[in-house]
PDB file of N, CA and C in Angstrom:
ATOM      1  N   MET A   1     208.810 260.164 103.219  1.00  0.00           N
ATOM      2  CA  MET A   1     208.026 260.753 102.900  1.00  0.00           C
ATOM      3  C   MET A   1     206.553 259.981 102.787  1.00  0.00           C
ATOM      4  N   ALA A   2     205.440 260.318 103.496  1.00  0.00           N
ATOM      5  CA  ALA A   2     204.324 259.826 103.958  1.00  0.00           C
ATOM      6  C   ALA A   2     203.466 259.522 102.050  1.00  0.00           C
ATOM      7  N   GLY A   3     203.392 258.326 101.591  1.00  0.00           N
ATOM      8  CA  GLY A   3     202.465 258.411 100.589  1.00  0.00           C
ATOM      9  C   GLY A   3     203.195 258.575  99.164  1.00  0.00           C
ATOM     10  N   GLY A   4     204.889 258.639  99.751  1.00  0.00           N
ATOM     11  CA  GLY A   4     205.578 259.174  98.334  1.00  0.00           C
ATOM     12  C   GLY A   4     206.342 257.961  97.689  1.00  0.00           C
ATOM     13  N   ARG A   5     207.377 258.269  96.899  1.00  0.00           N
ATOM     14  CA  ARG A   5     207.991 257.161  96.492  1.00  0.00           C
ATOM     15  C   ARG A   5     209.436 256.994  96.892  1.00  0.00           C
ATOM     16  N   PHE A   6     209.931 257.762  98.067  1.00  0.00           N
ATOM     17  CA  PHE A   6     210.712 257.935  99.008  1.00  0.00           C
ATOM     18  C   PHE A   6     210.430 257.766 100.350  1.00  0.00           C
ATOM     19  N   ALA A   7     211.428 256.847 101.321  1.00  0.00           N
ATOM     20  CA  ALA A   7     211.301 257.345 102.693  1.00  0.00           C
ATOM     21  C   ALA A   7     211.828 258.740 103.534  1.00  0.00           C
ATOM     22  N   THR A   8     212.653 259.264 102.792  1.00  0.00           N
ATOM     23  CA  THR A   8     212.783 260.451 103.259  1.00  0.00           C
ATOM     24  C   THR A   8     213.286 261.049 102.162  1.00  0.00           C
ATOM     25  N   ARG A   9     213.361 262.307 102.880  1.00  0.00           N
ATOM     26  CA  ARG A   9     213.728 263.922 101.890  1.00  0.00           C
ATOM     27  C   ARG A   9     215.055 263.421 101.443  1.00  0.00           C
ATOM     28  N   ALA A  10     216.321 263.017 102.314  1.00  0.00           N
ATOM     29  CA  ALA A  10     217.895 262.658 101.928  1.00  0.00           C
ATOM     30  C   ALA A  10     217.757 261.753 100.402  1.00  0.00           C
ATOM     31  N   GLU A  11     216.605 260.652 100.690  1.00  0.00           N
ATOM     32  CA  GLU A  11     216.858 259.617  99.660  1.00  0.00           C
ATOM     33  C   GLU A  11     216.402 260.137  98.314  1.00  0.00           C
ATOM     34  N   ALA A  12     215.140 261.080  98.374  1.00  0.00           N
ATOM     35  CA  ALA A  12     214.938 261.611  97.333  1.00  0.00           C
ATOM     36  C   ALA A  12     215.858 262.953  96.610  1.00  0.00           C
ATOM     37  N   VAL A  13     216.416 263.505  97.882  1.00  0.00           N
ATOM     38  CA  VAL A  13     217.654 264.161  97.013  1.00  0.00           C
ATOM     39  C   VAL A  13     218.587 263.594  96.131  1.00  0.00           C
ATOM     40  N   ARG A  14     218.998 262.648  97.114  1.00  0.00           N
ATOM     41  CA  ARG A  14     220.290 261.712  96.638  1.00  0.00           C
ATOM     42  C   ARG A  14     219.664 260.840  95.127  1.00  0.00           C
ATOM     43  N   SER A  15     218.814 260.409  95.088  1.00  0.00           N
ATOM     44  CA  SER A  15     218.010 260.070  93.664  1.00  0.00           C
ATOM     45  C   SER A  15     218.084 261.037  92.852  1.00  0.00           C
ATOM     46  N   ALA A  16     217.751 262.373  93.412  1.00  0.00           N
ATOM     47  CA  ALA A  16     217.693 263.134  91.967  1.00  0.00           C
ATOM     48  C   ALA A  16     219.071 263.819  91.733  1.00  0.00           C
ATOM     49  N   ILE A  17     219.919 264.345  92.831  1.00  0.00           N
ATOM     50  CA  ILE A  17     221.648 264.020  92.374  1.00  0.00           C
ATOM     51  C   ILE A  17     222.197 262.766  91.478  1.00  0.00           C
ATOM     52  N   THR A  18     221.810 261.546  92.146  1.00  0.00           N
ATOM     53  CA  THR A  18     222.053 260.597  90.830  1.00  0.00           C
ATOM     54  C   THR A  18     221.376 260.799  89.724  1.00  0.00           C
ATOM     55  N   SER A  19     220.530 261.006  89.717  1.00  0.00           N
ATOM     56  CA  SER A  19     219.802 261.061  87.963  1.00  0.00           C
ATOM     57  C   SER A  19     220.447 262.052  87.468  1.00  0.00           C
ATOM     58  N   LEU A  20     220.488 263.109  87.671  1.00  0.00           N
ATOM     59  CA  LEU A  20     221.368 264.384  87.016  1.00  0.00           C
ATOM     60  C   LEU A  20     222.367 264.178  86.572  1.00  0.00           C
ATOM     61  N   VAL A  21     223.261 263.541  87.439  1.00  0.00           N
ATOM     62  CA  VAL A  21     224.981 263.207  87.205  1.00  0.00           C
ATOM     63  C   VAL A  21     224.814 262.082  86.046  1.00  0.00           C
ATOM     64  N   ASP A  22     224.117 260.727  86.036  1.00  0.00           N
ATOM     65  CA  ASP A  22     223.851 260.326  85.013  1.00  0.00           C
ATOM     66  C   ASP A  22     223.855 260.813  84.135  1.00  0.00           C
ATOM     67  N   GLN A  23     222.489 261.570  83.488  1.00  0.00           N
ATOM     68  CA  GLN A  23     221.873 262.617  82.840  1.00  0.00           C
ATOM     69  C   GLN A  23     223.043 263.466  81.614  1.00  0.00           C
ATOM     70  N   GLU A  24     223.648 263.744  82.760  1.00  0.00           N
ATOM     71  CA  GLU A  24     225.009 264.783  81.847  1.00  0.00           C
ATOM     72  C   GLU A  24     225.927 263.774  81.369  1.00  0.00           C
ATOM     73  N   ARG A  25     226.703 262.955  82.345  1.00  0.00           N
ATOM     74  CA  ARG A  25     227.413 261.578  81.876  1.00  0.00           C
ATOM     75  C   ARG A  25     226.870 261.119  80.377  1.00  0.00           C
ATOM     76  N   ARG A  26     225.716 260.850  80.586  1.00  0.00           N
ATOM     77  CA  ARG A  26     225.254 260.298  79.194  1.00  0.00           C
ATOM     78  C   ARG A  26     225.351 261.218  77.854  1.00  0.00           C
ATOM     79  N   ARG A  27     225.019 262.809  78.400  1.00  0.00           N
ATOM     80  CA  ARG A  27     225.040 263.833  77.067  1.00  0.00           C
ATOM     81  C   ARG A  27     226.738 263.881  76.727  1.00  0.00           C
ATOM     82  N   ARG A  28     227.098 263.966  77.813  1.00  0.00           N
ATOM     83  CA  ARG A  28     228.905 264.113  77.440  1.00  0.00           C
ATOM     84  C   ARG A  28     229.234 262.911  76.453  1.00  0.00           C
ATOM     85  N   VAL A  29     228.908 261.703  77.179  1.00  0.00           N
ATOM     86  CA  VAL A  29     229.474 260.768  76.467  1.00  0.00           C
ATOM     87  C   VAL A  29     228.994 260.558  74.880  1.00  0.00           C
ATOM     88  N   GLY A  30     227.321 260.916  74.711  1.00  0.00           N
ATOM     89  CA  GLY A  30     227.080 260.952  73.056  1.00  0.00           C
ATOM     90  C   GLY A  30     227.504 262.208  72.502  1.00  0.00           C
ATOM     91  N   ALA A  31     227.815 263.409  73.127  1.00  0.00           N
ATOM     92  CA  ALA A  31     228.778 264.514  72.390  1.00  0.00           C
ATOM     93  C   ALA A  31     229.957 263.971  71.757  1.00  0.00           C
ATOM     94  N   GLU A  32     230.529 263.227  72.876  1.00  0.00           N
ATOM     95  CA  GLU A  32     232.224 262.667  72.380  1.00  0.00           C
ATOM     96  C   GLU A  32     232.038 261.622  71.294  1.00  0.00           C
ATOM     97  N   ILE A  33     231.156 261.460  71.206  1.00  0.00           N
ATOM     98  CA  ILE A  33     230.605 260.081  70.207  1.00  0.00           C
ATOM     99  C   ILE A  33     230.412 260.619  68.588  1.00  0.00           C
ATOM    100  N   ALA A  34     229.600 261.605  68.749  1.00  0.00           N
ATOM    101  CA  ALA A  34     229.078 262.448  67.658  1.00  0.00           C
ATOM    102  C   ALA A  34     230.995 263.007  67.043  1.00  0.00           C
ATOM    103  N   GLU A  35     231.389 263.259  68.297  1.00  0.00           N
ATOM    104  CA  GLU A  35     232.727 264.400  67.972  1.00  0.00           C
ATOM    105  C   GLU A  35     233.475 263.666  67.107  1.00  0.00           C
ATOM    106  N   GLY A  36     233.858 262.320  67.393  1.00  0.00           N
ATOM    107  CA  GLY A  36     234.570 261.066  66.607  1.00  0.00           C
ATOM    108  C   GLY A  36     233.950 260.880  65.678  1.00  0.00           C
ATOM    109  N   TYR A  37     233.275 260.695  65.094  1.00  0.00           N
ATOM    110  CA  TYR A  37     232.028 260.878  64.023  1.00  0.00           C
ATOM    111  C   TYR A  37     232.657 262.056  62.986  1.00  0.00           C
ATOM    112  N   ARG A  38     232.456 263.021  63.224  1.00  0.00           N
ATOM    113  CA  ARG A  38     232.747 264.297  62.690  1.00  0.00           C
ATOM    114  C   ARG A  38     233.914 264.081  62.547  1.00  0.00           C
ATOM    115  N   ARG A  39     235.087 263.872  63.451  1.00  0.00           N
ATOM    116  CA  ARG A  39     236.606 263.478  62.852  1.00  0.00           C
ATOM    117  C   ARG A  39     236.656 262.561  62.054  1.00  0.00           C
ATOM    118  N   ILE A  40     236.237 261.386  61.936  1.00  0.00           N
ATOM    119  CA  ILE A  40     236.642 260.201  61.035  1.00  0.00           C
ATOM    120  C   ILE A  40     235.174 259.800  60.537  1.00  0.00           C
ATOM    121  N   PRO A  41     234.996 260.637  59.714  1.00  0.00           N
ATOM    122  CA  PRO A  41     233.830 259.914  58.940  1.00  0.00           C
ATOM    123  C   PRO A  41     233.583 258.816  58.462  1.00  0.00           C
ATOM    124  N   GLN A  42     232.594 257.412  58.568  1.00  0.00           N
ATOM    125  CA  GLN A  42     232.615 256.015  58.035  1.00  0.00           C
ATOM    126  C   GLN A  42     232.407 256.277  56.468  1.00  0.00           C
ATOM    127  N   SER A  43     233.362 255.217  56.038  1.00  0.00           N
ATOM    128  CA  SER A  43     233.088 254.982  54.542  1.00  0.00           C
ATOM    129  C   SER A  43     231.837 254.394  54.179  1.00  0.00           C
ATOM    130  N   ASP A  44     231.565 254.518  52.853  1.00  0.00           N
ATOM    131  CA  ASP A  44     230.235 253.834  52.138  1.00  0.00           C
ATOM    132  C   ASP A  44     230.246 252.255  52.829  1.00  0.00           C
ATOM    133  N   GLU A  45     231.803 251.428  52.310  1.00  0.00           N
ATOM    134  CA  GLU A  45     231.822 250.250  53.069  1.00  0.00           C
ATOM    135  C   GLU A  45     231.640 250.147  54.338  1.00  0.00           C
ATOM    136  N   ASP A  46     232.238 250.769  55.368  1.00  0.00           N
ATOM    137  CA  ASP A  46     231.831 250.775  56.732  1.00  0.00           C
ATOM    138  C   ASP A  46     230.304 251.016  56.939  1.00  0.00           C
ATOM    139  N   LEU A  47     229.831 251.840  56.448  1.00  0.00           N
ATOM    140  CA  LEU A  47     228.451 251.776  57.149  1.00  0.00           C
ATOM    141  C   LEU A  47     227.259 250.679  56.083  1.00  0.00           C
ATOM    142  N   ALA A  48     227.841 249.758  55.130  1.00  0.00           N
ATOM    143  CA  ALA A  48     227.268 248.889  54.540  1.00  0.00           C
ATOM    144  C   ALA A  48     227.438 247.657  55.759  1.00  0.00           C
ATOM    145  N   ALA A  49     228.918 247.424  56.094  1.00  0.00           N
ATOM    146  CA  ALA A  49     229.107 246.381  56.955  1.00  0.00           C
ATOM    147  C   ALA A  49     228.318 246.557  58.440  1.00  0.00           C
ATOM    148  N   ALA A  50     228.050 247.812  58.604  1.00  0.00           N
ATOM    149  CA  ALA A  50     227.726 247.871  60.028  1.00  0.00           C
ATOM    150  C   ALA A  50     225.865 248.049  59.788  1.00  0.00           C
ATOM    151  N   THR A  51     225.346 248.190  58.352  1.00  0.00           N
ATOM    152  CA  THR A  51     224.125 248.172  58.139  1.00  0.00           C
ATOM    153  C   THR A  51     223.695 246.260  58.219  1.00  0.00           C
ATOM    154  N   ALA A  52     224.343 245.593  57.852  1.00  0.00           N
ATOM    155  CA  ALA A  52     224.530 244.360  57.646  1.00  0.00           C
ATOM    156  C   ALA A  52     224.311 243.752  59.146  1.00  0.00           C
ATOM    157  N   ALA A  53     225.437 244.138  59.934  1.00  0.00           N
ATOM    158  CA  ALA A  53     225.536 243.632  60.854  1.00  0.00           C
ATOM    159  C   ALA A  53     224.462 243.758  62.003  1.00  0.00           C
ATOM    160  N   ALA A  54     223.761 244.688  61.901  1.00  0.00           N
ATOM    161  CA  ALA A  54     222.746 245.155  62.423  1.00  0.00           C
ATOM    162  C   ALA A  54     221.424 244.381  61.831  1.00  0.00           C
ATOM    163  N   THR A  55     221.234 244.148  60.821  1.00  0.00           N
ATOM    164  CA  THR A  55     220.261 243.626  60.448  1.00  0.00           C
ATOM    165  C   THR A  55     220.558 241.974  60.709  1.00  0.00           C
ATOM    166  N   ARG A  56     221.643 241.185  60.447  1.00  0.00           N
ATOM    167  CA  ARG A  56     221.940 240.150  61.100  1.00  0.00           C
ATOM    168  C   ARG A  56     221.460 239.830  62.580  1.00  0.00           C
ATOM    169  N   SER A  57     222.041 240.496  63.347  1.00  0.00           N
ATOM    170  CA  SER A  57     221.493 240.905  64.955  1.00  0.00           C
ATOM    171  C   SER A  57     219.864 240.525  64.962  1.00  0.00           C
ATOM    172  N   ILE A  58     219.239 241.471  64.102  1.00  0.00           N
ATOM    173  CA  ILE A  58     218.034 241.957  64.138  1.00  0.00           C
ATOM    174  C   ILE A  58     217.326 240.019  64.309  1.00  0.00           C
ATOM    175  N   HIS A  59     217.658 239.798  62.689  1.00  0.00           N
ATOM    176  CA  HIS A  59     216.997 238.313  62.721  1.00  0.00           C
ATOM    177  C   HIS A  59     217.433 237.488  63.564  1.00  0.00           C
ATOM    178  N   ASP A  60     218.544 237.114  64.303  1.00  0.00           N
ATOM    179  CA  ASP A  60     219.097 236.366  65.294  1.00  0.00           C
ATOM    180  C   ASP A  60     218.415 236.517  66.866  1.00  0.00           C
ATOM    181  N   GLU A  61     217.889 237.629  66.529  1.00  0.00           N
ATOM    182  CA  GLU A  61     217.067 237.819  68.076  1.00  0.00           C
ATOM    183  C   GLU A  61     216.145 236.793  68.357  1.00  0.00           C
ATOM    184  N   PRO A  62     215.972 236.487  69.376  1.00  0.00           N
ATOM    185  CA  PRO A  62     214.614 235.705  69.883  1.00  0.00           C
ATOM    186  C   PRO A  62     213.430 236.553  70.231  1.00  0.00           C
ATOM    187  N   TRP A  63     212.806 236.559  69.461  1.00  0.00           N
ATOM    188  CA  TRP A  63     211.656 237.839  69.668  1.00  0.00           C
ATOM    189  C   TRP A  63     210.469 236.866  70.079  1.00  0.00           C
ATOM    190  N   ASP A  64     210.180 235.843  70.476  1.00  0.00           N
ATOM    191  CA  ASP A  64     209.113 235.092  71.220  1.00  0.00           C
ATOM    192  C   ASP A  64     208.911 235.272  72.583  1.00  0.00           C
TER     193      ASP A  64
END
């Protein structure tokens, strides 16, 4: 398509469909993760361990 992001309409449609499928997959996976946490809530100890691990990973990240 002249001056556009895609060379053809077919390429644009293909990209749009791929994007929609990916968004739906991500939404579904997120919903499944949330449902898992609702079924098996984390204990205070689990949350503390996860927080400590996240904090360590942030400090270990090479931010330079």
